[in-house]
């Protein structure tokens, strides 16, 4: 009597908490959420050995015997939820199996032959429906939903395809090999159909579905990224349309959120200019045009005199015309040769003083830039023999930039 009472209490417990148990089985991988609301259910399931928990950090799991019972009672619903056509064919097949067994038991050969043909036909339709369902996803992958122009609708269609793939996964999982073996029994005809052809089709469908589901998820991620970029570009376009003459600046960024290694450069000042296609900027264009240099048309134009026309010397056969050397290049070559070959000891040469003593008609910035370019053009061994020290100061507006106002040159072995 005690065993009967325990069994009745267990059944009443399952009935009382049927919704929570079914949700754990169908949606949570046979795990019960370890929350305060479920503490009573968890303790009672553990008491009846219907749930177990080894690690306290993990959620309790349903016992395998209870899971097996839930698989048995929900596989028909899962099959119906996944594909109504497959569920209908399977129900008809189940009825044909029962009629076939009765025909064999009664040794009714005409009925047995007729039912074998109907069973083959229904099983063929079932296999074709399963294959057709998986081939649909291959068409989705090949097209990439390109026949849908709107990106939002394309994403929605992709999500629907993933949902259908999940339903087909439930469909394939609802066909239990043990149930197929029970349906076949010891009959060689049913064994060949249910334990050979149908499982092979299901396995092929699982492989194709697994690949298609993975590719659909990758495609969905790509589509959502394209949607995000489209919204970003659309936001910029709307902002420009609503704010004529807008010029972006680095000051619009939140530099405090940037990592320190990327936030070392000072922002550049950006001066807006007029937009010739925007009527709002007409005033700026008028001021710009008014400040332009105006040529006085009434001013007398001086005609070039014959003396002012540059003369061009043409060489004849066998005659060599020597062009004059650039005095700046001559001074720089002598300076570099003196640094490489001369014995100057510990002395230093100041580039600005060399310019003053050379009587060259060249500005100091141009002289320093030309000298630096010639020094950079030297070969590696020659560059190693010259030590260069830059005298500079920071730009007051852009502290990352430096103004070079002189060069100190010395032989590198001078110490």
Protein backbone atom coordinates (compact mmCIF):
# COMPACT_ATOMS: atom_id res chain seq x y z
CA UNK A 1 0.00 0.00 0.00
CA UNK A 2 2.91 2.35 0.78
CA UNK A 3 4.35 1.94 -2.70
CA UNK A 4 0.95 2.70 -4.26
CA UNK A 5 0.63 5.84 -2.14
CA UNK A 6 4.11 7.02 -3.15
CA UNK A 7 3.33 6.45 -6.81
CA UNK A 8 0.07 8.39 -6.52
CA UNK A 9 1.85 11.26 -4.74
CA UNK A 10 4.47 11.34 -7.52
CA UNK A 11 1.81 11.45 -10.23
CA UNK A 12 -0.10 14.18 -8.39
CA UNK A 13 3.15 16.15 -8.07
CA UNK A 14 3.79 15.89 -11.82
CA UNK A 15 0.20 16.94 -12.54
CA UNK A 16 0.33 19.88 -10.11
CA UNK A 17 3.54 21.26 -11.61
CA UNK A 18 3.01 20.12 -15.20
CA UNK A 19 3.54 23.59 -16.69
CA UNK A 20 6.86 24.16 -14.91
CA UNK A 21 8.11 20.66 -15.74
CA UNK A 22 7.12 20.94 -19.42
CA UNK A 23 8.74 24.37 -19.70
CA UNK A 24 11.97 22.97 -18.22
CA UNK A 25 11.87 20.08 -20.69
CA UNK A 26 10.96 22.02 -23.84
CA UNK A 27 12.66 25.38 -23.28
CA UNK A 28 15.43 24.98 -20.71
CA UNK A 29 17.18 21.75 -21.66
CA UNK A 30 15.59 19.78 -18.76
CA UNK A 31 16.92 22.30 -16.22
CA UNK A 32 14.80 23.93 -13.48
CA UNK A 33 15.63 27.55 -12.61
CA UNK A 34 17.06 27.59 -9.09
CA UNK A 35 14.89 30.45 -7.82
CA UNK A 36 12.97 31.06 -4.62
CA UNK A 37 9.64 30.37 -6.37
CA UNK A 38 10.85 26.93 -7.47
CA UNK A 39 12.38 25.84 -4.16
CA UNK A 40 9.28 23.87 -3.13
CA UNK A 41 9.04 22.12 -6.50
CA UNK A 42 12.76 21.32 -6.54
CA UNK A 43 12.72 19.84 -3.03
CA UNK A 44 9.67 17.68 -3.77
CA UNK A 45 11.13 16.46 -7.08
CA UNK A 46 14.39 15.59 -5.31
CA UNK A 47 12.38 13.77 -2.61
CA UNK A 48 10.73 11.58 -5.25
CA UNK A 49 14.08 11.22 -7.10
CA UNK A 50 12.75 13.02 -10.17
CA UNK A 51 15.49 15.70 -10.11
CA UNK A 52 19.14 15.80 -9.15
CA UNK A 53 21.83 18.40 -8.49
CA UNK A 54 25.53 17.79 -7.85
CA UNK A 55 27.04 21.27 -8.05
CA UNK A 56 25.25 23.95 -6.04
CA UNK A 57 26.16 26.57 -8.67
CA UNK A 58 24.24 24.72 -11.38
CA UNK A 59 20.49 24.47 -11.85
CA UNK A 60 18.82 21.17 -10.88
CA UNK A 61 18.13 18.79 -13.75
CA UNK A 62 15.23 16.42 -14.35
CA UNK A 63 15.82 12.71 -13.87
CA UNK A 64 16.45 10.72 -17.07
CA UNK A 65 13.37 8.53 -16.45
CA UNK A 66 11.15 11.61 -16.25
CA UNK A 67 12.87 13.03 -19.36
CA UNK A 68 12.18 9.80 -21.23
CA UNK A 69 8.50 10.00 -20.26
CA UNK A 70 8.34 13.65 -21.38
CA UNK A 71 9.99 12.78 -24.69
CA UNK A 72 7.38 10.11 -25.29
CA UNK A 73 4.35 12.26 -24.48
CA UNK A 74 5.57 15.39 -26.33
CA UNK A 75 7.04 13.93 -29.52
CA UNK A 76 3.67 13.98 -31.30
CA UNK A 77 3.13 17.62 -30.34
CA UNK A 78 6.65 18.52 -31.44
CA UNK A 79 6.08 16.79 -34.76
CA UNK A 80 2.78 18.63 -35.27
CA UNK A 81 4.32 21.95 -34.27
CA UNK A 82 7.18 21.43 -36.74
CA UNK A 83 5.29 20.30 -39.83
CA UNK A 84 1.60 19.50 -40.08
CA UNK A 85 2.03 17.55 -43.33
CA UNK A 86 4.65 15.23 -41.86
CA UNK A 87 2.53 14.71 -38.75
CA UNK A 88 -0.49 13.78 -40.88
CA UNK A 89 1.53 11.30 -42.95
CA UNK A 90 3.01 9.73 -39.82
CA UNK A 91 -0.43 9.28 -38.28
CA UNK A 92 -1.67 7.62 -41.47
CA UNK A 93 1.41 5.39 -41.49
CA UNK A 94 0.74 4.37 -37.91
CA UNK A 95 -2.79 3.30 -38.83
CA UNK A 96 -1.47 1.39 -41.87
CA UNK A 97 1.07 -0.40 -39.65
CA UNK A 98 -1.75 -1.58 -37.39
CA UNK A 99 -3.85 -2.78 -40.34
CA UNK A 100 -0.81 -4.53 -41.83
CA UNK A 101 -0.20 -6.47 -38.60
CA UNK A 102 -3.83 -7.57 -38.46
CA UNK A 103 -3.69 -8.68 -42.13
CA UNK A 104 -0.59 -10.74 -41.43
CA UNK A 105 -2.15 -12.24 -38.33
CA UNK A 106 -5.25 -13.23 -40.35
CA UNK A 107 -3.05 -14.47 -43.24
CA UNK A 108 -4.92 -12.20 -45.64
CA UNK A 109 -2.43 -12.05 -48.50
CA UNK A 110 -4.40 -9.68 -50.80
CA UNK A 111 -4.83 -7.16 -47.96
CA UNK A 112 -1.21 -7.63 -46.98
CA UNK A 113 0.01 -6.84 -50.50
CA UNK A 114 -2.29 -3.83 -50.75
CA UNK A 115 -1.13 -2.44 -47.40
CA UNK A 116 2.52 -2.94 -48.29
CA UNK A 117 2.01 -0.78 -51.36
CA UNK A 118 0.19 1.91 -49.39
CA UNK A 119 2.86 1.89 -46.68
CA UNK A 120 5.61 2.29 -49.29
CA UNK A 121 3.72 5.14 -50.93
CA UNK A 122 3.11 6.98 -47.64
CA UNK A 123 6.71 6.45 -46.54
CA UNK A 124 7.93 7.76 -49.89
CA UNK A 125 5.78 10.89 -49.44
CA UNK A 126 7.11 11.30 -45.90
CA UNK A 127 10.74 11.04 -47.07
CA UNK A 128 10.09 13.48 -49.92
CA UNK A 129 8.50 16.01 -47.52
CA UNK A 130 11.52 15.79 -45.22
CA UNK A 131 13.96 16.24 -48.11
CA UNK A 132 11.91 19.04 -49.61
CA UNK A 133 11.86 20.87 -46.30
CA UNK A 134 15.67 20.84 -46.07
CA UNK A 135 16.16 21.73 -49.75
CA UNK A 136 14.14 24.90 -49.21
CA UNK A 137 16.89 26.21 -46.96
CA UNK A 138 19.49 25.50 -49.63
CA UNK A 139 17.52 27.78 -51.95
CA UNK A 140 17.55 30.48 -49.26
CA UNK A 141 21.32 30.21 -48.96
CA UNK A 142 21.88 30.34 -52.71
CA UNK A 143 19.68 33.40 -53.18
CA UNK A 144 20.66 35.18 -49.98
CA UNK A 145 17.11 36.62 -49.96
CA UNK A 146 18.24 38.91 -52.79
CA UNK A 147 14.75 38.87 -54.26
CA UNK A 148 13.69 41.06 -51.31
CA UNK A 149 14.86 44.63 -51.83
CA UNK A 150 13.97 46.08 -48.42
CA UNK A 151 16.67 45.26 -45.86
CA UNK A 152 14.23 45.17 -42.94
CA UNK A 153 12.00 42.65 -44.72
CA UNK A 154 15.06 40.60 -45.67
CA UNK A 155 16.10 40.37 -42.03
CA UNK A 156 12.57 39.39 -41.03
CA UNK A 157 12.49 36.65 -43.70
CA UNK A 158 15.86 35.38 -42.47
CA UNK A 159 14.53 35.20 -38.92
CA UNK A 160 11.47 33.28 -40.13
CA UNK A 161 13.75 30.82 -41.93
CA UNK A 162 15.77 30.28 -38.76
CA UNK A 163 12.53 29.70 -36.84
CA UNK A 164 11.44 27.13 -39.43
CA UNK A 165 14.83 25.43 -39.15
CA UNK A 166 14.32 25.17 -35.40
CA UNK A 167 10.96 23.57 -35.97
CA UNK A 168 12.48 21.04 -38.35
CA UNK A 169 15.11 20.25 -35.74
CA UNK A 170 12.30 19.45 -33.34
CA UNK A 171 10.67 17.38 -36.07
CA UNK A 172 13.75 15.23 -36.61
CA UNK A 173 14.20 14.84 -32.87
CA UNK A 174 10.63 13.60 -32.50
CA UNK A 175 11.38 10.44 -34.51
CA UNK A 176 12.66 8.03 -31.90
CA UNK A 177 14.64 5.06 -33.17
CA UNK A 178 13.23 2.92 -30.39
CA UNK A 179 9.69 3.86 -31.42
CA UNK A 180 10.49 2.97 -35.03
CA UNK A 181 11.85 -0.37 -33.90
CA UNK A 182 8.67 -1.01 -31.89
CA UNK A 183 6.57 -0.13 -34.93
CA UNK A 184 8.58 -2.52 -37.10
CA UNK A 185 8.47 -5.38 -34.63
CA UNK A 186 9.84 -8.62 -36.12
CA UNK A 187 8.40 -8.05 -39.56
CA UNK A 188 11.26 -7.92 -42.16
CA UNK A 189 9.28 -5.61 -44.47
CA UNK A 190 8.70 -2.95 -41.79
CA UNK A 191 12.24 -3.32 -40.46
CA UNK A 192 13.69 -2.53 -43.89
CA UNK A 193 11.52 0.57 -44.23
CA UNK A 194 11.60 1.95 -40.70
CA UNK A 195 15.10 0.98 -39.59
CA UNK A 196 16.96 1.55 -42.87
CA UNK A 197 15.39 4.04 -45.26
CA UNK A 198 13.71 6.44 -42.83
CA UNK A 199 16.68 6.78 -40.39
CA UNK A 200 19.04 7.39 -43.35
CA UNK A 201 16.77 10.17 -44.61
CA UNK A 202 16.54 11.70 -41.13
CA UNK A 203 20.33 11.66 -40.73
CA UNK A 204 20.83 13.31 -44.11
CA UNK A 205 18.23 15.94 -43.21
CA UNK A 206 19.96 16.63 -39.88
CA UNK A 207 23.30 17.24 -41.60
CA UNK A 208 21.82 19.53 -44.23
CA UNK A 209 19.74 21.36 -41.66
CA UNK A 210 22.71 21.88 -39.34
CA UNK A 211 24.75 23.46 -42.15
CA UNK A 212 21.85 25.58 -43.36
CA UNK A 213 21.02 26.81 -39.87
CA UNK A 214 24.62 27.88 -39.26
CA UNK A 215 24.80 29.72 -42.60
CA UNK A 216 21.46 31.43 -41.95
CA UNK A 217 22.72 32.73 -38.62
CA UNK A 218 25.90 34.03 -40.26
CA UNK A 219 23.77 35.70 -42.93
CA UNK A 220 21.54 37.26 -40.27
CA UNK A 221 24.56 38.76 -38.50
CA UNK A 222 25.77 40.20 -41.80
CA UNK A 223 22.36 41.64 -42.63
CA UNK A 224 22.06 43.28 -39.22
CA UNK A 225 25.51 44.80 -39.66
CA UNK A 226 24.47 46.18 -43.06
CA UNK A 227 21.32 47.55 -41.44
CA UNK A 228 23.38 49.27 -38.76
CA UNK A 229 25.67 50.85 -41.37
CA UNK A 230 22.69 51.97 -43.44
CA UNK A 231 21.15 53.63 -40.42
CA UNK A 232 24.47 55.31 -39.63
CA UNK A 233 24.84 56.66 -43.17
CA UNK A 234 21.18 57.69 -43.18
CA UNK A 235 21.67 59.54 -39.91
CA UNK A 236 24.60 61.47 -41.37
CA UNK A 237 22.61 62.26 -44.50
CA UNK A 238 19.63 63.51 -42.47
CA UNK A 239 21.88 65.63 -40.28
CA UNK A 240 23.49 67.28 -43.30
CA UNK A 241 20.08 67.95 -44.84
CA UNK A 242 18.72 69.48 -41.63
CA UNK A 243 21.87 71.54 -40.97
CA UNK A 244 23.01 73.31 -44.18
CA UNK A 245 26.66 74.31 -44.13
CA UNK A 246 27.52 71.82 -41.38
CA UNK A 247 31.22 70.91 -41.25
CA UNK A 248 32.26 67.98 -39.01
CA UNK A 249 35.03 68.55 -36.51
CA UNK A 250 37.03 66.29 -34.25
CA UNK A 251 35.67 68.39 -31.37
CA UNK A 252 32.32 66.66 -31.91
CA UNK A 253 33.82 63.41 -30.67
CA UNK A 254 33.90 62.40 -27.03
CA UNK A 255 37.65 62.09 -26.67
CA UNK A 256 37.35 61.14 -23.01
CA UNK A 257 36.04 57.74 -24.11
CA UNK A 258 39.08 57.09 -26.31
CA UNK A 259 41.97 54.99 -24.95
CA UNK A 260 44.91 57.13 -23.78
CA UNK A 261 47.31 55.90 -26.52
CA UNK A 262 44.81 57.10 -29.16
CA UNK A 263 44.10 60.43 -27.49
CA UNK A 264 47.53 62.05 -27.64
CA UNK A 265 47.12 64.30 -30.68
CA UNK A 266 45.58 67.73 -30.22
CA UNK A 267 42.54 68.54 -32.37
CA UNK A 268 43.10 70.51 -35.52
CA UNK A 269 41.25 73.75 -36.04
CA UNK A 270 38.88 73.53 -38.98
CA UNK A 271 37.75 76.71 -40.73
CA UNK A 272 34.47 76.37 -42.59
CA UNK A 273 34.26 77.63 -46.15
CA UNK A 274 31.33 78.58 -48.29
CA UNK A 275 29.30 75.96 -50.09
CA UNK A 276 28.68 77.07 -53.67
CA UNK A 277 25.60 74.85 -53.85
CA UNK A 278 24.00 76.22 -50.68
CA UNK A 279 22.16 79.58 -50.91
CA UNK A 280 22.65 80.11 -47.17
CA UNK A 281 26.38 80.55 -47.75
CA UNK A 282 25.94 83.31 -50.34
CA UNK A 283 27.09 85.97 -47.87
CA UNK A 284 30.31 84.10 -47.16
CA UNK A 285 30.92 83.75 -50.88
CA UNK A 286 30.28 87.47 -51.42
CA UNK A 287 32.83 88.39 -48.75
CA UNK A 288 35.31 85.94 -50.25
CA UNK A 289 34.86 87.41 -53.70
CA UNK A 290 35.17 90.98 -52.38
CA UNK A 291 38.46 90.17 -50.68
CA UNK A 292 39.95 88.72 -53.88
CA UNK A 293 42.60 90.71 -55.75
CA UNK A 294 41.08 93.00 -58.36
CA UNK A 295 43.11 93.79 -61.47
CA UNK A 296 42.85 97.40 -62.61
CA UNK A 297 41.86 97.18 -66.25
CA UNK A 298 42.72 100.87 -66.79
CA UNK A 299 46.33 100.40 -65.67
CA UNK A 300 48.76 100.69 -68.57
CA UNK A 301 50.08 97.36 -69.70
CA UNK A 302 53.83 97.34 -70.16
CA UNK A 303 54.89 95.60 -73.32
CA UNK A 304 57.97 93.47 -72.97
CA UNK A 305 61.09 95.03 -74.39
CA UNK A 306 63.50 93.04 -76.47
CA UNK A 307 66.00 93.21 -73.62
CA UNK A 308 63.53 91.69 -71.21
CA UNK A 309 62.89 88.64 -73.38
CA UNK A 310 64.90 85.75 -71.98
CA UNK A 311 67.58 84.59 -74.33
CA UNK A 312 67.93 80.93 -75.17
CA UNK A 313 71.30 79.55 -76.23
CA UNK A 314 71.24 76.63 -78.63
CA UNK A 315 74.26 74.43 -78.78
CA UNK A 316 75.67 73.28 -82.07
CA UNK A 317 77.09 69.92 -82.96
CA UNK A 318 80.13 69.17 -80.88
CA UNK A 319 79.65 72.18 -78.56
CA UNK A 320 78.89 71.65 -74.87
CA UNK A 321 76.96 74.33 -73.03
CA UNK A 322 77.71 74.34 -69.30
CA UNK A 323 74.82 75.44 -67.08
CA UNK A 324 75.73 77.42 -63.98
CA UNK A 325 75.69 75.48 -60.71
CA UNK A 326 73.20 76.25 -57.99
CA UNK A 327 75.09 78.24 -55.33
CA UNK A 328 72.98 76.75 -52.54
CA UNK A 329 73.84 73.21 -53.66
CA UNK A 330 77.53 74.16 -53.87
CA UNK A 331 77.59 75.47 -50.29
CA UNK A 332 75.69 72.44 -48.95
CA UNK A 333 78.02 70.03 -50.78
CA UNK A 334 81.10 71.81 -49.36
CA UNK A 335 79.55 71.76 -45.87
CA UNK A 336 78.75 68.03 -46.00
CA UNK A 337 82.20 67.22 -47.46
CA UNK A 338 83.81 69.20 -44.65
CA UNK A 339 81.78 67.28 -42.05
CA UNK A 340 82.71 63.92 -43.58
CA UNK A 341 86.38 64.50 -44.47
CA UNK A 342 87.47 67.51 -42.45
CA UNK A 343 89.23 67.40 -39.09
CA UNK A 344 87.00 69.66 -37.00
CA UNK A 345 87.48 67.84 -33.67
CA UNK A 346 84.94 68.78 -31.04
CA UNK A 347 83.78 71.89 -32.81
CA UNK A 348 80.16 72.42 -33.89
CA UNK A 349 78.74 74.06 -36.98
CA UNK A 350 75.59 76.16 -36.73
CA UNK A 351 73.47 76.06 -39.89
CA UNK A 352 72.23 79.62 -39.44
CA UNK A 353 75.81 80.96 -39.07
CA UNK A 354 76.88 79.07 -42.19
CA UNK A 355 74.06 80.79 -44.09
CA UNK A 356 75.09 84.23 -42.79
CA UNK A 357 78.74 83.75 -43.79
CA UNK A 358 77.88 82.31 -47.21
CA UNK A 359 76.18 85.43 -48.64
CA UNK A 360 73.42 83.25 -50.14
CA UNK A 361 70.17 84.97 -51.06
CA UNK A 362 67.85 82.41 -49.44
CA UNK A 363 65.49 82.52 -46.47
CA UNK A 364 66.43 80.63 -43.31
CA UNK A 365 63.44 78.18 -43.38
CA UNK A 366 64.20 77.30 -47.00
CA UNK A 367 67.89 76.90 -46.18
CA UNK A 368 67.16 74.56 -43.25
CA UNK A 369 64.69 72.50 -45.28
CA UNK A 370 67.15 72.12 -48.18
CA UNK A 371 70.01 71.21 -45.86
CA UNK A 372 67.85 68.63 -44.01
CA UNK A 373 66.78 67.06 -47.31
CA UNK A 374 70.41 66.71 -48.45
CA UNK A 375 71.41 65.17 -45.13
CA UNK A 376 68.54 62.70 -45.32
CA UNK A 377 69.65 61.72 -48.85
CA UNK A 378 73.10 60.55 -47.64
CA UNK A 379 73.90 56.87 -47.48
CA UNK A 380 73.73 55.02 -44.21
CA UNK A 381 77.48 55.11 -43.36
CA UNK A 382 77.70 58.81 -44.19
CA UNK A 383 74.64 59.63 -42.09
CA UNK A 384 76.17 57.76 -39.17
CA UNK A 385 79.23 60.04 -39.29
CA UNK A 386 77.18 63.23 -38.79
CA UNK A 387 75.41 64.08 -35.56
CA UNK A 388 72.45 66.48 -35.96
CA UNK A 389 70.86 68.44 -33.13
CA UNK A 390 67.60 70.29 -33.79
CA UNK A 391 66.80 73.54 -32.04
CA UNK A 392 63.03 73.84 -31.94
CA UNK A 393 60.06 75.13 -29.97
CA UNK A 394 56.45 73.99 -29.63
CA UNK A 395 53.66 75.52 -31.66
CA UNK A 396 51.42 77.54 -29.28
CA UNK A 397 48.26 76.44 -31.09
CA UNK A 398 49.19 72.85 -31.94
CA UNK A 399 51.53 71.64 -29.17
CA UNK A 400 52.20 68.39 -31.05
CA UNK A 401 53.93 70.38 -33.81
CA UNK A 402 57.39 71.95 -33.47
CA UNK A 403 59.06 74.88 -35.20
CA UNK A 404 62.71 74.15 -36.14
CA UNK A 405 64.76 77.34 -36.13
CA UNK A 406 68.33 75.97 -36.37
CA UNK A 407 70.52 72.90 -36.84
CA UNK A 408 73.73 72.07 -34.95
CA UNK A 409 76.06 69.76 -36.90
CA UNK A 410 79.05 67.88 -35.54
CA UNK A 411 81.05 64.76 -36.30
CA UNK A 412 79.56 61.79 -34.47
CA UNK A 413 82.97 60.53 -33.27
CA UNK A 414 83.64 63.83 -31.56
CA UNK A 415 81.80 62.57 -28.46
